């Protein structure tokens, strides 16, 4: 890979942030579903 490290690292950082936000949203939905079942 010969692309600039700066842009690729910034992209991966943003991608990680989005993945974390999505994971938190999904986890909250699962938690709400569990609470409703209890």
PDB file of N, CA and C in Angstrom:
ATOM      1  N   UNK A   1       0.840  -1.204   0.000  1.00  0.00           N
ATOM      2  CA  UNK A   1       0.000   0.000   0.000  1.00  0.00           C
ATOM      3  C   UNK A   1       0.871   1.249   0.000  1.00  0.00           C
ATOM      4  N   UNK A   2       0.658   2.103  -0.977  1.00  0.00           N
ATOM      5  CA  UNK A   2       1.488   3.302  -1.074  1.00  0.00           C
ATOM      6  C   UNK A   2       0.676   4.574  -0.871  1.00  0.00           C
ATOM      7  N   UNK A   3      -0.539   4.453  -0.366  1.00  0.00           N
ATOM      8  CA  UNK A   3      -1.335   5.649  -0.101  1.00  0.00           C
ATOM      9  C   UNK A   3      -0.780   6.348   1.138  1.00  0.00           C
ATOM     10  N   UNK A   4      -1.066   7.643   1.267  1.00  0.00           N
ATOM     11  CA  UNK A   4      -0.513   8.390   2.401  1.00  0.00           C
ATOM     12  C   UNK A   4      -1.058   7.853   3.722  1.00  0.00           C
ATOM     13  N   UNK A   5      -0.175   7.679   4.681  1.00  0.00           N
ATOM     14  CA  UNK A   5      -0.563   7.093   5.970  1.00  0.00           C
ATOM     15  C   UNK A   5      -1.543   7.998   6.711  1.00  0.00           C
ATOM     16  N   UNK A   6      -1.398   9.307   6.508  1.00  0.00           N
ATOM     17  CA  UNK A   6      -2.252  10.253   7.240  1.00  0.00           C
ATOM     18  C   UNK A   6      -3.729  10.049   6.903  1.00  0.00           C
ATOM     19  N   UNK A   7      -4.047  10.018   5.607  1.00  0.00           N
ATOM     20  CA  UNK A   7      -5.453   9.880   5.205  1.00  0.00           C
ATOM     21  C   UNK A   7      -5.998   8.506   5.571  1.00  0.00           C
ATOM     22  N   UNK A   8      -5.181   7.467   5.412  1.00  0.00           N
ATOM     23  CA  UNK A   8      -5.660   6.113   5.722  1.00  0.00           C
ATOM     24  C   UNK A   8      -5.877   5.952   7.222  1.00  0.00           C
ATOM     25  N   UNK A   9      -4.999   6.525   8.034  1.00  0.00           N
ATOM     26  CA  UNK A   9      -5.157   6.412   9.489  1.00  0.00           C
ATOM     27  C   UNK A   9      -6.382   7.201   9.944  1.00  0.00           C
ATOM     28  N   UNK A  10      -6.595   8.354   9.316  1.00  0.00           N
ATOM     29  CA  UNK A  10      -7.759   9.162   9.674  1.00  0.00           C
ATOM     30  C   UNK A  10      -9.035   8.420   9.282  1.00  0.00           C
ATOM     31  N   UNK A  11      -9.009   7.748   8.140  1.00  0.00           N
ATOM     32  CA  UNK A  11     -10.180   6.994   7.685  1.00  0.00           C
ATOM     33  C   UNK A  11     -10.464   5.844   8.636  1.00  0.00           C
ATOM     34  N   UNK A  12      -9.424   5.101   9.020  1.00  0.00           N
ATOM     35  CA  UNK A  12      -9.629   3.958   9.912  1.00  0.00           C
ATOM     36  C   UNK A  12     -10.116   4.435  11.277  1.00  0.00           C
ATOM     37  N   UNK A  13      -9.632   5.587  11.720  1.00  0.00           N
ATOM     38  CA  UNK A  13     -10.070   6.132  13.003  1.00  0.00           C
ATOM     39  C   UNK A  13     -11.551   6.485  12.938  1.00  0.00           C
ATOM     40  N   UNK A  14     -11.968   7.133  11.844  1.00  0.00           N
ATOM     41  CA  UNK A  14     -13.373   7.482  11.678  1.00  0.00           C
ATOM     42  C   UNK A  14     -14.226   6.229  11.561  1.00  0.00           C
ATOM     43  N   UNK A  15     -13.696   5.226  10.859  1.00  0.00           N
ATOM     44  CA  UNK A  15     -14.427   3.967  10.684  1.00  0.00           C
ATOM     45  C   UNK A  15     -14.612   3.284  12.033  1.00  0.00           C
ATOM     46  N   UNK A  16     -13.575   3.310  12.861  1.00  0.00           N
ATOM     47  CA  UNK A  16     -13.652   2.705  14.202  1.00  0.00           C
ATOM     48  C   UNK A  16     -14.707   3.420  15.040  1.00  0.00           C
ATOM     49  N   UNK A  17     -14.729   4.742  14.959  1.00  0.00           N
ATOM     50  CA  UNK A  17     -15.691   5.539  15.725  1.00  0.00           C
ATOM     51  C   UNK A  17     -17.122   5.193  15.314  1.00  0.00           C
ATOM     52  N   UNK A  18     -17.356   5.096  13.993  1.00  0.00           N
ATOM     53  CA  UNK A  18     -18.692   4.755  13.488  1.00  0.00           C
ATOM     54  C   UNK A  18     -19.078   3.355  13.940  1.00  0.00           C
ATOM     55  N   UNK A  19     -18.125   2.418  13.868  1.00  0.00           N
ATOM     56  CA  UNK A  19     -18.406   1.038  14.281  1.00  0.00           C
ATOM     57  C   UNK A  19     -18.773   0.995  15.762  1.00  0.00           C
ATOM     58  N   UNK A  20     -18.072   1.787  16.580  1.00  0.00           N
ATOM     59  CA  UNK A  20     -18.370   1.822  18.021  1.00  0.00           C
ATOM     60  C   UNK A  20     -19.766   2.396  18.264  1.00  0.00           C
ATOM     61  N   UNK A  21     -20.106   3.469  17.554  1.00  0.00           N
ATOM     62  CA  UNK A  21     -21.431   4.083  17.718  1.00  0.00           C
ATOM     63  C   UNK A  21     -22.527   3.099  17.334  1.00  0.00           C
ATOM     64  N   UNK A  22     -22.324   2.385  16.223  1.00  0.00           N
ATOM     65  CA  UNK A  22     -23.316   1.398  15.774  1.00  0.00           C
ATOM     66  C   UNK A  22     -23.435   0.277  16.799  1.00  0.00           C
ATOM     67  N   UNK A  23     -22.289  -0.184  17.315  1.00  0.00           N
ATOM     68  CA  UNK A  23     -22.301  -1.267  18.308  1.00  0.00           C
ATOM     69  C   UNK A  23     -23.053  -0.827  19.562  1.00  0.00           C
ATOM     70  N   UNK A  24     -22.831   0.411  19.999  1.00  0.00           N
ATOM     71  CA  UNK A  24     -23.516   0.931  21.195  1.00  0.00           C
ATOM     72  C   UNK A  24     -25.020   1.003  20.942  1.00  0.00           C
ATOM     73  N   UNK A  25     -25.416   1.453  19.741  1.00  0.00           N
ATOM     74  CA  UNK A  25     -26.845   1.540  19.401  1.00  0.00           C
ATOM     75  C   UNK A  25     -27.482   0.160  19.424  1.00  0.00           C
ATOM     76  N   UNK A  26     -26.814  -0.807  18.796  1.00  0.00           N
ATOM     77  CA  UNK A  26     -27.346  -2.176  18.745  1.00  0.00           C
ATOM     78  C   UNK A  26     -27.430  -2.750  20.151  1.00  0.00           C
ATOM     79  N   UNK A  27     -26.378  -2.507  20.966  1.00  0.00           N
ATOM     80  CA  UNK A  27     -26.348  -3.025  22.337  1.00  0.00           C
ATOM     81  C   UNK A  27     -27.492  -2.432  23.152  1.00  0.00           C
ATOM     82  N   UNK A  28     -27.748  -1.121  22.979  1.00  0.00           N
ATOM     83  CA  UNK A  28     -28.846  -0.461  23.698  1.00  0.00           C
ATOM     84  C   UNK A  28     -30.189  -1.038  23.274  1.00  0.00           C
ATOM     85  N   UNK A  29     -30.350  -1.335  21.981  1.00  0.00           N
ATOM     86  CA  UNK A  29     -31.601  -1.928  21.499  1.00  0.00           C
ATOM     87  C   UNK A  29     -31.797  -3.308  22.113  1.00  0.00           C
ATOM     88  N   UNK A  30     -30.724  -4.106  22.153  1.00  0.00           N
ATOM     89  CA  UNK A  30     -30.802  -5.443  22.749  1.00  0.00           C
ATOM     90  C   UNK A  30     -31.139  -5.343  24.234  1.00  0.00           C
ATOM     91  N   UNK A  31     -30.529  -4.388  24.918  1.00  0.00           N
ATOM     92  CA  UNK A  31     -30.776  -4.201  26.350  1.00  0.00           C
ATOM     93  C   UNK A  31     -32.243  -3.829  26.587  1.00  0.00           C
ATOM     94  N   UNK A  32     -32.772  -2.925  25.764  1.00  0.00           N
ATOM     95  CA  UNK A  32     -34.173  -2.511  25.897  1.00  0.00           C
ATOM     96  C   UNK A  32     -35.097  -3.705  25.665  1.00  0.00           C
ATOM     97  N   UNK A  33     -34.749  -4.557  24.696  1.00  0.00           N
ATOM     98  CA  UNK A  33     -35.561  -5.729  24.400  1.00  0.00           C
ATOM     99  C   UNK A  33     -35.544  -6.696  25.581  1.00  0.00           C
ATOM    100  N   UNK A  34     -34.386  -6.869  26.185  1.00  0.00           N
ATOM    101  CA  UNK A  34     -34.268  -7.750  27.353  1.00  0.00           C
ATOM    102  C   UNK A  34     -35.080  -7.201  28.519  1.00  0.00           C
ATOM    103  N   UNK A  35     -35.008  -5.897  28.741  1.00  0.00           N
ATOM    104  CA  UNK A  35     -35.743  -5.277  29.845  1.00  0.00           C
ATOM    105  C   UNK A  35     -37.247  -5.465  29.668  1.00  0.00           C
ATOM    106  N   UNK A  36     -37.716  -5.394  28.411  1.00  0.00           N
ATOM    107  CA  UNK A  36     -39.137  -5.559  28.141  1.00  0.00           C
ATOM    108  C   UNK A  36     -39.580  -6.995  28.426  1.00  0.00           C
ATOM    109  N   UNK A  37     -38.675  -7.954  28.177  1.00  0.00           N
ATOM    110  CA  UNK A  37     -39.016  -9.364  28.387  1.00  0.00           C
ATOM    111  C   UNK A  37     -39.052  -9.725  29.866  1.00  0.00           C
ATOM    112  N   UNK A  38     -38.269  -9.044  30.688  1.00  0.00           N
ATOM    113  CA  UNK A  38     -38.210  -9.372  32.116  1.00  0.00           C
ATOM    114  C   UNK A  38     -39.544  -9.115  32.808  1.00  0.00           C
TER     115      UNK A  38
END
